[in-house]
Amino acid sequence: MRQGVRLILFCVLAGIVPVRFQGQDAPETTRKVTLKTQPQYPALARTMHITGVVKLEATVAPNGTVKSINVKGGHPVLTQSAVTAVGHWKFEAAPHETTELIEIRFEAE
């Protein structure tokens, strides 16, 4: 047991294992949305009474346009509508490309 503690301590001091608190002081990367297109509730989802949240990760160019979108979670029937809507969003300009985490909520009307 003592040997394991020494190994972990050595790795942390040597910088091999990332320390848990690193990155907590990282600047916020959330950019303001200047133009937001609302997603269409898919007809199939409405018929099947499917609701929920779609989680997306969008790469946004410095000029504010969405370069790419990765689906991180959500019902497959809802994801395409969310991706299409966010693909049309515009964000405020920034000095560099950012990655934005987005949640789109679909609720029955």
N, C-alpha and C. Protein backbone atom coordinates (compact mmCIF):
# COMPACT_ATOMS: atom_id res chain seq x y z
N MET A 1 0.82 -1.19 0.00
CA MET A 1 0.00 0.00 0.00
C MET A 1 0.86 1.25 0.00
N ARG A 2 1.91 1.25 0.80
CA ARG A 2 2.80 2.40 0.89
C ARG A 2 3.48 2.68 -0.44
N GLN A 3 3.80 1.61 -1.17
CA GLN A 3 4.46 1.75 -2.46
C GLN A 3 3.52 2.44 -3.46
N GLY A 4 2.22 2.10 -3.41
CA GLY A 4 1.23 2.72 -4.30
C GLY A 4 1.10 4.21 -4.05
N VAL A 5 1.11 4.59 -2.77
CA VAL A 5 1.02 6.01 -2.41
C VAL A 5 2.24 6.74 -2.91
N ARG A 6 3.40 6.14 -2.76
CA ARG A 6 4.64 6.77 -3.25
C ARG A 6 4.60 6.95 -4.76
N LEU A 7 4.09 5.94 -5.47
CA LEU A 7 4.02 6.00 -6.93
C LEU A 7 3.07 7.12 -7.37
N ILE A 8 1.92 7.23 -6.73
CA ILE A 8 0.97 8.29 -7.07
C ILE A 8 1.57 9.66 -6.77
N LEU A 9 2.20 9.80 -5.62
CA LEU A 9 2.83 11.07 -5.24
C LEU A 9 3.92 11.43 -6.25
N PHE A 10 4.72 10.47 -6.66
CA PHE A 10 5.76 10.72 -7.64
C PHE A 10 5.16 11.19 -8.96
N CYS A 11 4.10 10.49 -9.42
CA CYS A 11 3.46 10.84 -10.70
C CYS A 11 2.88 12.24 -10.67
N VAL A 12 2.24 12.59 -9.56
CA VAL A 12 1.66 13.93 -9.45
C VAL A 12 2.76 14.99 -9.47
N LEU A 13 3.82 14.77 -8.68
CA LEU A 13 4.92 15.73 -8.63
C LEU A 13 5.66 15.82 -9.95
N ALA A 14 5.73 14.72 -10.67
CA ALA A 14 6.43 14.72 -11.95
C ALA A 14 5.55 15.25 -13.08
N GLY A 15 4.28 15.46 -12.79
CA GLY A 15 3.38 16.00 -13.81
C GLY A 15 2.83 14.94 -14.74
N ILE A 16 2.95 13.68 -14.40
CA ILE A 16 2.48 12.60 -15.26
C ILE A 16 0.97 12.44 -15.13
N VAL A 17 0.45 12.56 -13.94
CA VAL A 17 -0.99 12.42 -13.70
C VAL A 17 -1.56 13.81 -13.50
N PRO A 18 -2.58 14.17 -14.28
CA PRO A 18 -3.16 15.50 -14.10
C PRO A 18 -3.81 15.62 -12.73
N VAL A 19 -3.63 16.75 -12.12
CA VAL A 19 -4.23 17.00 -10.81
C VAL A 19 -5.67 17.43 -11.04
N ARG A 20 -6.56 16.96 -10.20
CA ARG A 20 -7.99 17.18 -10.38
C ARG A 20 -8.39 18.65 -10.46
N PHE A 21 -7.76 19.52 -9.71
CA PHE A 21 -8.18 20.92 -9.69
C PHE A 21 -7.64 21.73 -10.86
N GLN A 22 -6.81 21.18 -11.70
CA GLN A 22 -6.32 21.94 -12.85
C GLN A 22 -7.47 22.25 -13.79
N GLY A 23 -7.50 23.43 -14.34
CA GLY A 23 -8.51 23.82 -15.31
C GLY A 23 -9.71 24.50 -14.70
N GLN A 24 -9.83 24.53 -13.39
CA GLN A 24 -10.97 25.19 -12.78
C GLN A 24 -10.91 26.70 -12.96
N ASP A 25 -9.74 27.23 -13.14
CA ASP A 25 -9.61 28.67 -13.35
C ASP A 25 -9.61 29.04 -14.84
N ALA A 26 -9.95 28.08 -15.70
CA ALA A 26 -9.96 28.33 -17.14
C ALA A 26 -11.04 29.36 -17.46
N PRO A 27 -10.80 30.24 -18.43
CA PRO A 27 -11.80 31.25 -18.77
C PRO A 27 -13.05 30.60 -19.37
N GLU A 28 -14.17 31.22 -19.14
CA GLU A 28 -15.45 30.76 -19.67
C GLU A 28 -15.42 30.90 -21.19
N THR A 29 -15.83 29.86 -21.92
CA THR A 29 -15.78 29.91 -23.38
C THR A 29 -17.16 30.12 -23.99
N THR A 30 -18.18 30.26 -23.17
CA THR A 30 -19.52 30.43 -23.70
C THR A 30 -19.66 31.78 -24.39
N ARG A 31 -20.06 31.73 -25.65
CA ARG A 31 -20.25 32.95 -26.43
C ARG A 31 -21.74 33.25 -26.55
N LYS A 32 -22.06 34.51 -26.61
CA LYS A 32 -23.45 34.93 -26.73
C LYS A 32 -23.99 34.57 -28.12
N VAL A 33 -25.20 34.04 -28.14
CA VAL A 33 -25.87 33.73 -29.40
C VAL A 33 -26.54 35.00 -29.89
N THR A 34 -26.24 35.41 -31.12
CA THR A 34 -26.83 36.63 -31.68
C THR A 34 -28.02 36.34 -32.58
N LEU A 35 -28.09 35.12 -33.13
CA LEU A 35 -29.21 34.71 -33.98
C LEU A 35 -29.50 33.24 -33.67
N LYS A 36 -30.71 32.98 -33.16
CA LYS A 36 -31.06 31.63 -32.75
C LYS A 36 -32.28 31.14 -33.54
N THR A 37 -32.11 30.06 -34.27
CA THR A 37 -33.20 29.41 -35.00
C THR A 37 -33.78 28.33 -34.09
N GLN A 38 -35.10 28.34 -33.91
CA GLN A 38 -35.74 27.34 -33.09
C GLN A 38 -35.87 26.02 -33.87
N PRO A 39 -35.61 24.89 -33.23
CA PRO A 39 -35.74 23.61 -33.91
C PRO A 39 -37.21 23.25 -34.16
N GLN A 40 -37.46 22.54 -35.22
CA GLN A 40 -38.79 22.04 -35.52
C GLN A 40 -39.01 20.75 -34.73
N TYR A 41 -40.16 20.63 -34.11
CA TYR A 41 -40.49 19.40 -33.38
C TYR A 41 -40.84 18.36 -34.45
N PRO A 42 -40.05 17.29 -34.57
CA PRO A 42 -40.32 16.30 -35.63
C PRO A 42 -41.71 15.67 -35.49
N ALA A 43 -42.40 15.48 -36.62
CA ALA A 43 -43.74 14.92 -36.62
C ALA A 43 -43.75 13.53 -35.97
N LEU A 44 -42.74 12.72 -36.24
CA LEU A 44 -42.68 11.38 -35.64
C LEU A 44 -42.58 11.48 -34.12
N ALA A 45 -41.78 12.41 -33.64
CA ALA A 45 -41.62 12.60 -32.20
C ALA A 45 -42.95 13.04 -31.58
N ARG A 46 -43.66 13.90 -32.27
CA ARG A 46 -44.97 14.37 -31.77
C ARG A 46 -45.95 13.20 -31.71
N THR A 47 -45.99 12.40 -32.77
CA THR A 47 -46.89 11.24 -32.82
C THR A 47 -46.57 10.24 -31.73
N MET A 48 -45.27 10.03 -31.46
CA MET A 48 -44.84 9.04 -30.47
C MET A 48 -44.72 9.64 -29.06
N HIS A 49 -45.04 10.94 -28.93
CA HIS A 49 -44.96 11.64 -27.64
C HIS A 49 -43.54 11.57 -27.06
N ILE A 50 -42.55 11.78 -27.92
CA ILE A 50 -41.15 11.76 -27.49
C ILE A 50 -40.75 13.17 -27.08
N THR A 51 -40.22 13.29 -25.88
CA THR A 51 -39.70 14.56 -25.38
C THR A 51 -38.30 14.31 -24.84
N GLY A 52 -37.61 15.38 -24.52
CA GLY A 52 -36.30 15.22 -23.92
C GLY A 52 -35.34 16.31 -24.32
N VAL A 53 -34.08 16.11 -23.95
CA VAL A 53 -33.02 17.08 -24.19
C VAL A 53 -32.00 16.47 -25.15
N VAL A 54 -31.58 17.27 -26.12
CA VAL A 54 -30.49 16.89 -27.01
C VAL A 54 -29.28 17.72 -26.62
N LYS A 55 -28.17 17.05 -26.37
CA LYS A 55 -26.94 17.74 -26.00
C LYS A 55 -26.00 17.75 -27.19
N LEU A 56 -25.51 18.94 -27.51
CA LEU A 56 -24.64 19.13 -28.67
C LEU A 56 -23.36 19.85 -28.26
N GLU A 57 -22.32 19.61 -29.03
CA GLU A 57 -21.06 20.33 -28.89
C GLU A 57 -20.78 20.99 -30.24
N ALA A 58 -20.83 22.30 -30.28
CA ALA A 58 -20.65 23.04 -31.53
C ALA A 58 -19.29 23.72 -31.55
N THR A 59 -18.59 23.58 -32.66
CA THR A 59 -17.35 24.31 -32.88
C THR A 59 -17.73 25.59 -33.62
N VAL A 60 -17.38 26.74 -33.02
CA VAL A 60 -17.77 28.03 -33.57
C VAL A 60 -16.52 28.78 -34.04
N ALA A 61 -16.56 29.24 -35.28
CA ALA A 61 -15.45 29.99 -35.88
C ALA A 61 -15.35 31.36 -35.23
N PRO A 62 -14.20 32.02 -35.38
CA PRO A 62 -14.03 33.36 -34.81
C PRO A 62 -15.10 34.36 -35.28
N ASN A 63 -15.60 34.20 -36.52
CA ASN A 63 -16.61 35.13 -37.03
C ASN A 63 -18.02 34.83 -36.51
N GLY A 64 -18.19 33.75 -35.73
CA GLY A 64 -19.47 33.44 -35.11
C GLY A 64 -20.30 32.39 -35.81
N THR A 65 -19.83 31.87 -36.94
CA THR A 65 -20.58 30.82 -37.62
C THR A 65 -20.23 29.45 -37.04
N VAL A 66 -21.19 28.55 -37.11
CA VAL A 66 -21.00 27.20 -36.59
C VAL A 66 -20.28 26.38 -37.65
N LYS A 67 -19.11 25.86 -37.30
CA LYS A 67 -18.30 25.06 -38.22
C LYS A 67 -18.69 23.60 -38.21
N SER A 68 -18.93 23.05 -37.03
CA SER A 68 -19.29 21.63 -36.93
C SER A 68 -20.08 21.40 -35.65
N ILE A 69 -20.82 20.29 -35.64
CA ILE A 69 -21.65 19.95 -34.49
C ILE A 69 -21.50 18.46 -34.23
N ASN A 70 -21.27 18.12 -32.96
CA ASN A 70 -21.22 16.72 -32.54
C ASN A 70 -22.36 16.49 -31.55
N VAL A 71 -23.12 15.42 -31.78
CA VAL A 71 -24.20 15.06 -30.86
C VAL A 71 -23.59 14.34 -29.67
N LYS A 72 -23.88 14.83 -28.48
CA LYS A 72 -23.36 14.23 -27.25
C LYS A 72 -24.41 13.43 -26.51
N GLY A 73 -25.68 13.59 -26.88
CA GLY A 73 -26.74 12.82 -26.23
C GLY A 73 -28.10 13.28 -26.66
N GLY A 74 -29.07 12.41 -26.49
CA GLY A 74 -30.45 12.75 -26.82
C GLY A 74 -31.09 11.65 -27.64
N HIS A 75 -32.41 11.72 -27.74
CA HIS A 75 -33.17 10.73 -28.49
C HIS A 75 -32.86 10.87 -29.98
N PRO A 76 -32.58 9.77 -30.66
CA PRO A 76 -32.24 9.83 -32.09
C PRO A 76 -33.29 10.50 -32.97
N VAL A 77 -34.56 10.41 -32.59
CA VAL A 77 -35.61 11.04 -33.39
C VAL A 77 -35.52 12.57 -33.29
N LEU A 78 -34.94 13.09 -32.22
CA LEU A 78 -34.88 14.53 -31.99
C LEU A 78 -33.57 15.17 -32.46
N THR A 79 -32.50 14.38 -32.58
CA THR A 79 -31.17 14.96 -32.79
C THR A 79 -31.02 15.72 -34.11
N GLN A 80 -31.58 15.20 -35.20
CA GLN A 80 -31.38 15.88 -36.49
C GLN A 80 -32.01 17.26 -36.50
N SER A 81 -33.16 17.40 -35.90
CA SER A 81 -33.81 18.71 -35.84
C SER A 81 -32.97 19.70 -35.04
N ALA A 82 -32.39 19.22 -33.93
CA ALA A 82 -31.54 20.09 -33.11
C ALA A 82 -30.28 20.50 -33.86
N VAL A 83 -29.66 19.54 -34.53
CA VAL A 83 -28.43 19.82 -35.30
C VAL A 83 -28.72 20.83 -36.41
N THR A 84 -29.82 20.65 -37.11
CA THR A 84 -30.17 21.57 -38.20
C THR A 84 -30.38 22.99 -37.67
N ALA A 85 -31.09 23.12 -36.56
CA ALA A 85 -31.35 24.45 -35.99
C ALA A 85 -30.06 25.12 -35.54
N VAL A 86 -29.24 24.42 -34.78
CA VAL A 86 -28.00 25.01 -34.25
C VAL A 86 -27.03 25.33 -35.39
N GLY A 87 -27.08 24.59 -36.46
CA GLY A 87 -26.23 24.87 -37.62
C GLY A 87 -26.49 26.24 -38.22
N HIS A 88 -27.68 26.80 -37.98
CA HIS A 88 -28.03 28.13 -38.49
C HIS A 88 -27.78 29.24 -37.47
N TRP A 89 -27.41 28.88 -36.26
CA TRP A 89 -27.17 29.89 -35.24
C TRP A 89 -25.96 30.74 -35.58
N LYS A 90 -25.95 31.96 -35.07
CA LYS A 90 -24.81 32.87 -35.17
C LYS A 90 -24.43 33.30 -33.76
N PHE A 91 -23.13 33.32 -33.52
CA PHE A 91 -22.60 33.71 -32.22
C PHE A 91 -21.84 35.02 -32.37
N GLU A 92 -21.59 35.69 -31.26
CA GLU A 92 -20.79 36.91 -31.30
C GLU A 92 -19.37 36.56 -31.74
N ALA A 93 -18.71 37.51 -32.35
CA ALA A 93 -17.34 37.30 -32.81
C ALA A 93 -16.40 37.15 -31.62
N ALA A 94 -15.32 36.42 -31.84
CA ALA A 94 -14.32 36.19 -30.79
C ALA A 94 -12.95 36.11 -31.45
N PRO A 95 -11.89 36.28 -30.69
CA PRO A 95 -10.55 36.25 -31.28
C PRO A 95 -10.10 34.87 -31.75
N HIS A 96 -10.80 33.82 -31.31
CA HIS A 96 -10.39 32.47 -31.71
C HIS A 96 -11.60 31.54 -31.75
N GLU A 97 -11.42 30.37 -32.32
CA GLU A 97 -12.45 29.35 -32.40
C GLU A 97 -12.77 28.83 -31.00
N THR A 98 -14.04 28.55 -30.73
CA THR A 98 -14.43 28.01 -29.44
C THR A 98 -15.31 26.78 -29.61
N THR A 99 -15.47 26.04 -28.54
CA THR A 99 -16.37 24.91 -28.50
C THR A 99 -17.46 25.23 -27.50
N GLU A 100 -18.70 25.16 -27.95
CA GLU A 100 -19.84 25.52 -27.12
C GLU A 100 -20.70 24.29 -26.84
N LEU A 101 -21.07 24.10 -25.59
CA LEU A 101 -21.98 23.03 -25.21
C LEU A 101 -23.40 23.59 -25.21
N ILE A 102 -24.29 22.91 -25.91
CA ILE A 102 -25.65 23.40 -26.11
C ILE A 102 -26.63 22.30 -25.76
N GLU A 103 -27.70 22.68 -25.08
CA GLU A 103 -28.79 21.76 -24.78
C GLU A 103 -30.06 22.30 -25.41
N ILE A 104 -30.73 21.46 -26.19
CA ILE A 104 -31.99 21.81 -26.81
C ILE A 104 -33.07 20.95 -26.17
N ARG A 105 -34.09 21.58 -25.60
CA ARG A 105 -35.15 20.84 -24.92
C ARG A 105 -36.37 20.74 -25.83
N PHE A 106 -36.85 19.53 -26.01
CA PHE A 106 -38.07 19.27 -26.79
C PHE A 106 -39.16 18.85 -25.80
N GLU A 107 -40.26 19.60 -25.79
CA GLU A 107 -41.38 19.29 -24.91
C GLU A 107 -42.65 19.22 -25.74
N ALA A 108 -43.56 18.35 -25.33
CA ALA A 108 -44.84 18.22 -26.03
C ALA A 108 -45.62 19.52 -25.90
N GLU A 109 -46.28 19.87 -26.96
CA GLU A 109 -47.04 21.14 -26.97
C GLU A 109 -48.47 20.89 -26.58
